[in-house]
Amino acid sequence: MELTQVLIKPLVSEKNTALREVVNERVCFIVHPDANKAEISRAVETVFGVKVVKVNVVRAKAREYLRQGRRLCHASGYKKAYVTLAKDQKIEYFEGA
C-alpha cells in the first residue's frame, strides 16, 4: 500500500485532546482498514518528519441499528491508530495556528 493512502485524516476530539494533554507525544489518526502498524509508522514518519516510538490500533466494526425503533441505519466501521512520538517531538497540525 502506498504511504499516501495509509493516513486518511487526523482525529481531533475531546478524548484525543485530553489524551494529548496527559501524554504530550500521542496523536490519533483515522487510517486505511488494510494498513498495518509498520505502514502507519512509516507514513507518519515520512509525512510529518517525526520519530515514531509506538503504534496502537483500534478497529470498530460496521454495524446496523434501529433508529427510533423503525428505520434500519448503518454505522460505518473505521480503524484508528494512536501514534506515540519520541520525546520532544510534535506534529504542528495538532498545535493550532
PDB file of N, CA and C in Angstrom:
ATOM      1  N   MET A   1       0.843  -1.176   0.000  1.00  0.00           N
ATOM      2  CA  MET A   1       0.000   0.000   0.000  1.00  0.00           C
ATOM      3  C   MET A   1       0.894   1.248   0.000  1.00  0.00           C
ATOM      4  N   GLU A   2       0.506   2.251  -0.761  1.00  0.00           N
ATOM      5  CA  GLU A   2       1.272   3.477  -0.820  1.00  0.00           C
ATOM      6  C   GLU A   2       1.093   4.275   0.474  1.00  0.00           C
ATOM      7  N   LEU A   3       2.131   5.014   0.849  1.00  0.00           N
ATOM      8  CA  LEU A   3       2.077   5.777   2.091  1.00  0.00           C
ATOM      9  C   LEU A   3       1.043   6.894   2.046  1.00  0.00           C
ATOM     10  N   THR A   4       0.719   7.381   0.846  1.00  0.00           N
ATOM     11  CA  THR A   4      -0.280   8.443   0.739  1.00  0.00           C
ATOM     12  C   THR A   4      -1.693   7.939   1.013  1.00  0.00           C
ATOM     13  N   GLN A   5      -1.908   6.645   0.952  1.00  0.00           N
ATOM     14  CA  GLN A   5      -3.234   6.078   1.195  1.00  0.00           C
ATOM     15  C   GLN A   5      -3.425   5.607   2.626  1.00  0.00           C
ATOM     16  N   VAL A   6      -2.356   5.524   3.401  1.00  0.00           N
ATOM     17  CA  VAL A   6      -2.438   4.954   4.752  1.00  0.00           C
ATOM     18  C   VAL A   6      -3.188   5.885   5.703  1.00  0.00           C
ATOM     19  N   LEU A   7      -2.766   7.140   5.795  1.00  0.00           N
ATOM     20  CA  LEU A   7      -3.394   8.100   6.703  1.00  0.00           C
ATOM     21  C   LEU A   7      -4.578   8.757   6.002  1.00  0.00           C
ATOM     22  N   ILE A   8      -5.763   8.614   6.568  1.00  0.00           N
ATOM     23  CA  ILE A   8      -6.948   9.222   5.972  1.00  0.00           C
ATOM     24  C   ILE A   8      -7.137  10.638   6.512  1.00  0.00           C
ATOM     25  N   LYS A   9      -7.180  10.786   7.843  1.00  0.00           N
ATOM     26  CA  LYS A   9      -7.300  12.111   8.434  1.00  0.00           C
ATOM     27  C   LYS A   9      -6.898  12.044   9.907  1.00  0.00           C
ATOM     28  N   PRO A  10      -6.448  13.168  10.446  1.00  0.00           N
ATOM     29  CA  PRO A  10      -6.187  13.204  11.891  1.00  0.00           C
ATOM     30  C   PRO A  10      -7.499  13.269  12.651  1.00  0.00           C
ATOM     31  N   LEU A  11      -7.522  12.690  13.809  1.00  0.00           N
ATOM     32  CA  LEU A  11      -8.739  12.654  14.608  1.00  0.00           C
ATOM     33  C   LEU A  11      -8.593  13.638  15.767  1.00  0.00           C
ATOM     34  N   VAL A  12      -9.403  14.687  15.738  1.00  0.00           N
ATOM     35  CA  VAL A  12      -9.373  15.697  16.790  1.00  0.00           C
ATOM     36  C   VAL A  12     -10.715  15.652  17.494  1.00  0.00           C
ATOM     37  N   SER A  13     -10.710  15.151  18.726  1.00  0.00           N
ATOM     38  CA  SER A  13     -11.923  15.071  19.525  1.00  0.00           C
ATOM     39  C   SER A  13     -11.569  15.439  20.966  1.00  0.00           C
ATOM     40  N   GLU A  14     -12.566  15.498  21.818  1.00  0.00           N
ATOM     41  CA  GLU A  14     -12.315  15.840  23.211  1.00  0.00           C
ATOM     42  C   GLU A  14     -11.431  14.799  23.886  1.00  0.00           C
ATOM     43  N   LYS A  15     -11.704  13.538  23.617  1.00  0.00           N
ATOM     44  CA  LYS A  15     -10.921  12.478  24.227  1.00  0.00           C
ATOM     45  C   LYS A  15      -9.463  12.544  23.787  1.00  0.00           C
ATOM     46  N   ASN A  16      -9.222  12.748  22.499  1.00  0.00           N
ATOM     47  CA  ASN A  16      -7.858  12.790  21.990  1.00  0.00           C
ATOM     48  C   ASN A  16      -7.125  14.050  22.434  1.00  0.00           C
ATOM     49  N   THR A  17      -7.844  15.163  22.564  1.00  0.00           N
ATOM     50  CA  THR A  17      -7.222  16.380  23.061  1.00  0.00           C
ATOM     51  C   THR A  17      -6.818  16.223  24.520  1.00  0.00           C
ATOM     52  N   ALA A  18      -7.680  15.616  25.322  1.00  0.00           N
ATOM     53  CA  ALA A  18      -7.344  15.363  26.730  1.00  0.00           C
ATOM     54  C   ALA A  18      -6.181  14.379  26.835  1.00  0.00           C
ATOM     55  N   LEU A  19      -6.151  13.378  25.978  1.00  0.00           N
ATOM     56  CA  LEU A  19      -5.056  12.412  25.975  1.00  0.00           C
ATOM     57  C   LEU A  19      -3.739  13.081  25.611  1.00  0.00           C
ATOM     58  N   ARG A  20      -3.792  14.023  24.665  1.00  0.00           N
ATOM     59  CA  ARG A  20      -2.587  14.731  24.251  1.00  0.00           C
ATOM     60  C   ARG A  20      -2.067  15.634  25.363  1.00  0.00           C
ATOM     61  N   GLU A  21      -2.960  16.136  26.227  1.00  0.00           N
ATOM     62  CA  GLU A  21      -2.527  16.952  27.354  1.00  0.00           C
ATOM     63  C   GLU A  21      -1.849  16.112  28.421  1.00  0.00           C
ATOM     64  N   VAL A  22      -2.312  14.880  28.617  1.00  0.00           N
ATOM     65  CA  VAL A  22      -1.716  13.997  29.617  1.00  0.00           C
ATOM     66  C   VAL A  22      -0.419  13.390  29.087  1.00  0.00           C
ATOM     67  N   VAL A  23      -0.489  12.784  27.927  1.00  0.00           N
ATOM     68  CA  VAL A  23       0.681  12.190  27.276  1.00  0.00           C
ATOM     69  C   VAL A  23       0.968  13.059  26.065  1.00  0.00           C
ATOM     70  N   ASN A  24       1.925  13.959  26.185  1.00  0.00           N
ATOM     71  CA  ASN A  24       2.132  15.015  25.205  1.00  0.00           C
ATOM     72  C   ASN A  24       2.531  14.495  23.833  1.00  0.00           C
ATOM     73  N   GLU A  25       3.093  13.314  23.745  1.00  0.00           N
ATOM     74  CA  GLU A  25       3.613  12.821  22.476  1.00  0.00           C
ATOM     75  C   GLU A  25       2.670  11.863  21.759  1.00  0.00           C
ATOM     76  N   ARG A  26       1.399  11.803  22.125  1.00  0.00           N
ATOM     77  CA  ARG A  26       0.484  10.846  21.497  1.00  0.00           C
ATOM     78  C   ARG A  26      -0.551  11.565  20.639  1.00  0.00           C
ATOM     79  N   VAL A  27      -0.695  11.120  19.384  1.00  0.00           N
ATOM     80  CA  VAL A  27      -1.667  11.686  18.449  1.00  0.00           C
ATOM     81  C   VAL A  27      -2.494  10.549  17.852  1.00  0.00           C
ATOM     82  N   CYS A  28      -3.630  10.890  17.266  1.00  0.00           N
ATOM     83  CA  CYS A  28      -4.545   9.880  16.754  1.00  0.00           C
ATOM     84  C   CYS A  28      -4.910  10.173  15.307  1.00  0.00           C
ATOM     85  N   PHE A  29      -4.991   9.116  14.485  1.00  0.00           N
ATOM     86  CA  PHE A  29      -5.338   9.235  13.083  1.00  0.00           C
ATOM     87  C   PHE A  29      -6.377   8.188  12.712  1.00  0.00           C
ATOM     88  N   ILE A  30      -7.279   8.525  11.780  1.00  0.00           N
ATOM     89  CA  ILE A  30      -8.104   7.526  11.115  1.00  0.00           C
ATOM     90  C   ILE A  30      -7.249   6.994   9.978  1.00  0.00           C
ATOM     91  N   VAL A  31      -7.119   5.673   9.891  1.00  0.00           N
ATOM     92  CA  VAL A  31      -6.225   5.067   8.900  1.00  0.00           C
ATOM     93  C   VAL A  31      -7.000   4.104   8.007  1.00  0.00           C
ATOM     94  N   HIS A  32      -6.370   3.698   6.932  1.00  0.00           N
ATOM     95  CA  HIS A  32      -6.961   2.749   5.983  1.00  0.00           C
ATOM     96  C   HIS A  32      -7.182   1.412   6.691  1.00  0.00           C
ATOM     97  N   PRO A  33      -8.310   0.745   6.447  1.00  0.00           N
ATOM     98  CA  PRO A  33      -8.607  -0.510   7.145  1.00  0.00           C
ATOM     99  C   PRO A  33      -7.595  -1.627   6.899  1.00  0.00           C
ATOM    100  N   ASP A  34      -6.872  -1.593   5.783  1.00  0.00           N
ATOM    101  CA  ASP A  34      -5.908  -2.647   5.493  1.00  0.00           C
ATOM    102  C   ASP A  34      -4.486  -2.308   5.938  1.00  0.00           C
ATOM    103  N   ALA A  35      -4.273  -1.142   6.514  1.00  0.00           N
ATOM    104  CA  ALA A  35      -2.932  -0.723   6.916  1.00  0.00           C
ATOM    105  C   ALA A  35      -2.509  -1.447   8.194  1.00  0.00           C
ATOM    106  N   ASN A  36      -1.231  -1.824   8.259  1.00  0.00           N
ATOM    107  CA  ASN A  36      -0.719  -2.442   9.473  1.00  0.00           C
ATOM    108  C   ASN A  36       0.141  -1.433  10.234  1.00  0.00           C
ATOM    109  N   LYS A  37       0.648  -1.835  11.402  1.00  0.00           N
ATOM    110  CA  LYS A  37       1.377  -0.911  12.268  1.00  0.00           C
ATOM    111  C   LYS A  37       2.655  -0.388  11.620  1.00  0.00           C
ATOM    112  N   ALA A  38       3.359  -1.233  10.899  1.00  0.00           N
ATOM    113  CA  ALA A  38       4.606  -0.808  10.250  1.00  0.00           C
ATOM    114  C   ALA A  38       4.330   0.240   9.178  1.00  0.00           C
ATOM    115  N   GLU A  39       3.279   0.058   8.397  1.00  0.00           N
ATOM    116  CA  GLU A  39       2.931   1.028   7.362  1.00  0.00           C
ATOM    117  C   GLU A  39       2.487   2.356   7.973  1.00  0.00           C
ATOM    118  N   ILE A  40       1.739   2.292   9.061  1.00  0.00           N
ATOM    119  CA  ILE A  40       1.298   3.511   9.736  1.00  0.00           C
ATOM    120  C   ILE A  40       2.497   4.271  10.279  1.00  0.00           C
ATOM    121  N   SER A  41       3.418   3.565  10.894  1.00  0.00           N
ATOM    122  CA  SER A  41       4.619   4.192  11.441  1.00  0.00           C
ATOM    123  C   SER A  41       5.439   4.867  10.349  1.00  0.00           C
ATOM    124  N   ARG A  42       5.664   4.165   9.231  1.00  0.00           N
ATOM    125  CA  ARG A  42       6.429   4.749   8.126  1.00  0.00           C
ATOM    126  C   ARG A  42       5.732   5.960   7.535  1.00  0.00           C
ATOM    127  N   ALA A  43       4.407   5.904   7.423  1.00  0.00           N
ATOM    128  CA  ALA A  43       3.658   7.017   6.844  1.00  0.00           C
ATOM    129  C   ALA A  43       3.754   8.264   7.715  1.00  0.00           C
ATOM    130  N   VAL A  44       3.603   8.108   9.030  1.00  0.00           N
ATOM    131  CA  VAL A  44       3.693   9.264   9.934  1.00  0.00           C
ATOM    132  C   VAL A  44       5.103   9.841   9.923  1.00  0.00           C
ATOM    133  N   GLU A  45       6.115   8.984   9.952  1.00  0.00           N
ATOM    134  CA  GLU A  45       7.499   9.467   9.931  1.00  0.00           C
ATOM    135  C   GLU A  45       7.813  10.199   8.631  1.00  0.00           C
ATOM    136  N   THR A  46       7.314   9.693   7.516  1.00  0.00           N
ATOM    137  CA  THR A  46       7.599  10.304   6.215  1.00  0.00           C
ATOM    138  C   THR A  46       6.840  11.614   6.026  1.00  0.00           C
ATOM    139  N   VAL A  47       5.563  11.621   6.338  1.00  0.00           N
ATOM    140  CA  VAL A  47       4.731  12.799   6.082  1.00  0.00           C
ATOM    141  C   VAL A  47       5.069  13.956   7.027  1.00  0.00           C
ATOM    142  N   PHE A  48       5.237  13.661   8.315  1.00  0.00           N
ATOM    143  CA  PHE A  48       5.416  14.723   9.296  1.00  0.00           C
ATOM    144  C   PHE A  48       6.866  14.918   9.745  1.00  0.00           C
ATOM    145  N   GLY A  49       7.762  14.029   9.376  1.00  0.00           N
ATOM    146  CA  GLY A  49       9.168  14.177   9.728  1.00  0.00           C
ATOM    147  C   GLY A  49       9.442  14.044  11.215  1.00  0.00           C
ATOM    148  N   VAL A  50       8.780  13.113  11.873  1.00  0.00           N
ATOM    149  CA  VAL A  50       8.981  12.877  13.298  1.00  0.00           C
ATOM    150  C   VAL A  50       9.392  11.427  13.515  1.00  0.00           C
ATOM    151  N   LYS A  51       9.837  11.102  14.712  1.00  0.00           N
ATOM    152  CA  LYS A  51      10.238   9.740  15.064  1.00  0.00           C
ATOM    153  C   LYS A  51       9.103   9.075  15.826  1.00  0.00           C
ATOM    154  N   VAL A  52       8.642   7.923  15.343  1.00  0.00           N
ATOM    155  CA  VAL A  52       7.545   7.187  15.968  1.00  0.00           C
ATOM    156  C   VAL A  52       8.124   6.086  16.856  1.00  0.00           C
ATOM    157  N   VAL A  53       7.635   6.039  18.102  1.00  0.00           N
ATOM    158  CA  VAL A  53       8.092   5.032  19.051  1.00  0.00           C
ATOM    159  C   VAL A  53       7.166   3.828  19.056  1.00  0.00           C
ATOM    160  N   LYS A  54       5.843   4.083  19.026  1.00  0.00           N
ATOM    161  CA  LYS A  54       4.875   3.001  19.205  1.00  0.00           C
ATOM    162  C   LYS A  54       3.584   3.335  18.480  1.00  0.00           C
ATOM    163  N   VAL A  55       2.899   2.303  17.983  1.00  0.00           N
ATOM    164  CA  VAL A  55       1.609   2.466  17.315  1.00  0.00           C
ATOM    165  C   VAL A  55       0.627   1.469  17.910  1.00  0.00           C
ATOM    166  N   ASN A  56      -0.516   1.981  18.397  1.00  0.00           N
ATOM    167  CA  ASN A  56      -1.606   1.135  18.869  1.00  0.00           C
ATOM    168  C   ASN A  56      -2.778   1.312  17.915  1.00  0.00           C
ATOM    169  N   VAL A  57      -3.455   0.205  17.571  1.00  0.00           N
ATOM    170  CA  VAL A  57      -4.519   0.240  16.577  1.00  0.00           C
ATOM    171  C   VAL A  57      -5.822  -0.232  17.210  1.00  0.00           C
ATOM    172  N   VAL A  58      -6.912   0.490  16.899  1.00  0.00           N
ATOM    173  CA  VAL A  58      -8.247   0.147  17.376  1.00  0.00           C
ATOM    174  C   VAL A  58      -9.153   0.045  16.155  1.00  0.00           C
ATOM    175  N   ARG A  59      -9.931  -1.014  16.080  1.00  0.00           N
ATOM    176  CA  ARG A  59     -10.832  -1.208  14.944  1.00  0.00           C
ATOM    177  C   ARG A  59     -12.273  -1.286  15.451  1.00  0.00           C
ATOM    178  N   ALA A  60     -13.153  -0.528  14.782  1.00  0.00           N
ATOM    179  CA  ALA A  60     -14.588  -0.583  15.074  1.00  0.00           C
ATOM    180  C   ALA A  60     -15.289  -1.188  13.866  1.00  0.00           C
ATOM    181  N   LYS A  61     -16.061  -2.214  14.097  1.00  0.00           N
ATOM    182  CA  LYS A  61     -16.745  -2.885  13.003  1.00  0.00           C
ATOM    183  C   LYS A  61     -17.977  -2.104  12.568  1.00  0.00           C
ATOM    184  N   ALA A  62     -18.332  -2.253  11.304  1.00  0.00           N
ATOM    185  CA  ALA A  62     -19.563  -1.649  10.798  1.00  0.00           C
ATOM    186  C   ALA A  62     -20.748  -2.383  11.417  1.00  0.00           C
ATOM    187  N   ARG A  63     -21.813  -1.634  11.674  1.00  0.00           N
ATOM    188  CA  ARG A  63     -22.975  -2.267  12.300  1.00  0.00           C
ATOM    189  C   ARG A  63     -24.250  -1.598  11.815  1.00  0.00           C
ATOM    190  N   GLU A  64     -25.326  -2.320  11.948  1.00  0.00           N
ATOM    191  CA  GLU A  64     -26.650  -1.792  11.628  1.00  0.00           C
ATOM    192  C   GLU A  64     -27.442  -1.670  12.924  1.00  0.00           C
ATOM    193  N   TYR A  65     -28.260  -0.647  13.012  1.00  0.00           N
ATOM    194  CA  TYR A  65     -29.060  -0.449  14.209  1.00  0.00           C
ATOM    195  C   TYR A  65     -30.388   0.197  13.839  1.00  0.00           C
ATOM    196  N   LEU A  66     -31.350   0.083  14.741  1.00  0.00           N
ATOM    197  CA  LEU A  66     -32.668   0.676  14.525  1.00  0.00           C
ATOM    198  C   LEU A  66     -32.685   2.083  15.096  1.00  0.00           C
ATOM    199  N   ARG A  67     -33.213   2.999  14.327  1.00  0.00           N
ATOM    200  CA  ARG A  67     -33.328   4.380  14.786  1.00  0.00           C
ATOM    201  C   ARG A  67     -34.801   4.645  15.096  1.00  0.00           C
ATOM    202  N   GLN A  68     -35.074   5.030  16.316  1.00  0.00           N
ATOM    203  CA  GLN A  68     -36.425   5.268  16.812  1.00  0.00           C
ATOM    204  C   GLN A  68     -37.290   4.024  16.639  1.00  0.00           C
ATOM    205  N   GLY A  69     -36.669   2.870  16.637  1.00  0.00           N
ATOM    206  CA  GLY A  69     -37.395   1.619  16.565  1.00  0.00           C
ATOM    207  C   GLY A  69     -37.963   1.278  15.210  1.00  0.00           C
ATOM    208  N   ARG A  70     -37.725   2.119  14.191  1.00  0.00           N
ATOM    209  CA  ARG A  70     -38.362   1.877  12.898  1.00  0.00           C
ATOM    210  C   ARG A  70     -37.365   1.724  11.767  1.00  0.00           C
ATOM    211  N   ARG A  71     -36.502   2.724  11.583  1.00  0.00           N
ATOM    212  CA  ARG A  71     -35.619   2.722  10.424  1.00  0.00           C
ATOM    213  C   ARG A  71     -34.348   1.950  10.714  1.00  0.00           C
ATOM    214  N   LEU A  72     -33.892   1.204   9.739  1.00  0.00           N
ATOM    215  CA  LEU A  72     -32.634   0.488   9.848  1.00  0.00           C
ATOM    216  C   LEU A  72     -31.519   1.392   9.330  1.00  0.00           C
ATOM    217  N   CYS A  73     -30.563   1.732  10.181  1.00  0.00           N
ATOM    218  CA  CYS A  73     -29.467   2.626   9.817  1.00  0.00           C
ATOM    219  C   CYS A  73     -28.159   1.854   9.824  1.00  0.00           C
ATOM    220  N   HIS A  74     -27.160   2.447   9.196  1.00  0.00           N
ATOM    221  CA  HIS A  74     -25.863   1.804   9.062  1.00  0.00           C
ATOM    222  C   HIS A  74     -24.775   2.728   9.603  1.00  0.00           C
ATOM    223  N   ALA A  75     -23.978   2.227  10.529  1.00  0.00           N
ATOM    224  CA  ALA A  75     -22.821   2.966  11.044  1.00  0.00           C
ATOM    225  C   ALA A  75     -21.581   2.336  10.418  1.00  0.00           C
ATOM    226  N   SER A  76     -20.817   3.133   9.706  1.00  0.00           N
ATOM    227  CA  SER A  76     -19.658   2.580   9.012  1.00  0.00           C
ATOM    228  C   SER A  76     -18.543   2.262   9.997  1.00  0.00           C
ATOM    229  N   GLY A  77     -17.762   1.281   9.678  1.00  0.00           N
ATOM    230  CA  GLY A  77     -16.635   0.902  10.503  1.00  0.00           C
ATOM    231  C   GLY A  77     -15.432   1.770  10.194  1.00  0.00           C
ATOM    232  N   TYR A  78     -14.463   1.763  11.080  1.00  0.00           N
ATOM    233  CA  TYR A  78     -13.244   2.538  10.886  1.00  0.00           C
ATOM    234  C   TYR A  78     -12.107   1.890  11.645  1.00  0.00           C
ATOM    235  N   LYS A  79     -10.908   2.352  11.356  1.00  0.00           N
ATOM    236  CA  LYS A  79      -9.721   1.907  12.049  1.00  0.00           C
ATOM    237  C   LYS A  79      -8.942   3.145  12.445  1.00  0.00           C
ATOM    238  N   LYS A  80      -8.589   3.253  13.717  1.00  0.00           N
ATOM    239  CA  LYS A  80      -7.819   4.413  14.138  1.00  0.00           C
ATOM    240  C   LYS A  80      -6.543   3.960  14.823  1.00  0.00           C
ATOM    241  N   ALA A  81      -5.541   4.811  14.715  1.00  0.00           N
ATOM    242  CA  ALA A  81      -4.228   4.491  15.250  1.00  0.00           C
ATOM    243  C   ALA A  81      -3.804   5.563  16.233  1.00  0.00           C
ATOM    244  N   TYR A  82      -3.407   5.142  17.428  1.00  0.00           N
ATOM    245  CA  TYR A  82      -2.800   6.029  18.406  1.00  0.00           C
ATOM    246  C   TYR A  82      -1.295   5.919  18.219  1.00  0.00           C
ATOM    247  N   VAL A  83      -0.668   7.016  17.812  1.00  0.00           N
ATOM    248  CA  VAL A  83       0.757   7.021  17.496  1.00  0.00           C
ATOM    249  C   VAL A  83       1.493   7.752  18.604  1.00  0.00           C
ATOM    250  N   THR A  84       2.452   7.066  19.230  1.00  0.00           N
ATOM    251  CA  THR A  84       3.281   7.680  20.255  1.00  0.00           C
ATOM    252  C   THR A  84       4.573   8.143  19.609  1.00  0.00           C
ATOM    253  N   LEU A  85       4.860   9.440  19.744  1.00  0.00           N
ATOM    254  CA  LEU A  85       6.060  10.027  19.161  1.00  0.00           C
ATOM    255  C   LEU A  85       7.202   9.987  20.168  1.00  0.00           C
ATOM    256  N   ALA A  86       8.426  10.158  19.672  1.00  0.00           N
ATOM    257  CA  ALA A  86       9.590  10.220  20.543  1.00  0.00           C
ATOM    258  C   ALA A  86       9.489  11.467  21.419  1.00  0.00           C
ATOM    259  N   LYS A  87      10.226  11.463  22.506  1.00  0.00           N
ATOM    260  CA  LYS A  87      10.195  12.585  23.450  1.00  0.00           C
ATOM    261  C   LYS A  87      10.599  13.879  22.746  1.00  0.00           C
ATOM    262  N   ASP A  88       9.897  14.954  23.055  1.00  0.00           N
ATOM    263  CA  ASP A  88      10.130  16.289  22.491  1.00  0.00           C
ATOM    264  C   ASP A  88       9.838  16.370  20.999  1.00  0.00           C
ATOM    265  N   GLN A  89       9.063  15.452  20.451  1.00  0.00           N
ATOM    266  CA  GLN A  89       8.626  15.517  19.060  1.00  0.00           C
ATOM    267  C   GLN A  89       7.175  15.997  19.041  1.00  0.00           C
ATOM    268  N   LYS A  90       6.837  16.847  18.089  1.00  0.00           N
ATOM    269  CA  LYS A  90       5.477  17.346  17.958  1.00  0.00           C
ATOM    270  C   LYS A  90       5.074  17.377  16.494  1.00  0.00           C
ATOM    271  N   ILE A  91       3.785  17.262  16.254  1.00  0.00           N
ATOM    272  CA  ILE A  91       3.226  17.448  14.919  1.00  0.00           C
ATOM    273  C   ILE A  91       2.518  18.789  14.948  1.00  0.00           C
ATOM    274  N   GLU A  92       2.893  19.692  14.074  1.00  0.00           N
ATOM    275  CA  GLU A  92       2.380  21.050  14.092  1.00  0.00           C
ATOM    276  C   GLU A  92       0.889  21.119  13.801  1.00  0.00           C
ATOM    277  N   TYR A  93       0.330  20.150  13.122  1.00  0.00           N
ATOM    278  CA  TYR A  93      -1.098  20.167  12.784  1.00  0.00           C
ATOM    279  C   TYR A  93      -1.950  20.212  14.038  1.00  0.00           C
ATOM    280  N   PHE A  94      -1.517  19.510  15.092  1.00  0.00           N
ATOM    281  CA  PHE A  94      -2.302  19.423  16.318  1.00  0.00           C
ATOM    282  C   PHE A  94      -2.051  20.583  17.272  1.00  0.00           C
ATOM    283  N   GLU A  95      -1.066  21.422  16.992  1.00  0.00           N
ATOM    284  CA  GLU A  95      -0.720  22.517  17.890  1.00  0.00           C
ATOM    285  C   GLU A  95      -1.585  23.736  17.675  1.00  0.00           C
ATOM    286  N   GLY A  96      -2.235  23.863  16.538  1.00  0.00           N
ATOM    287  CA  GLY A  96      -3.083  25.016  16.259  1.00  0.00           C
ATOM    288  C   GLY A  96      -2.276  26.146  15.644  1.00  0.00           C
ATOM    289  N   ALA A  97      -2.992  27.166  15.156  1.00  0.00           N
ATOM    290  CA  ALA A  97      -2.308  28.271  14.490  1.00  0.00           C
ATOM    291  C   ALA A  97      -2.117  29.453  15.411  1.00  0.00           C
TER     292      ALA A  97
END
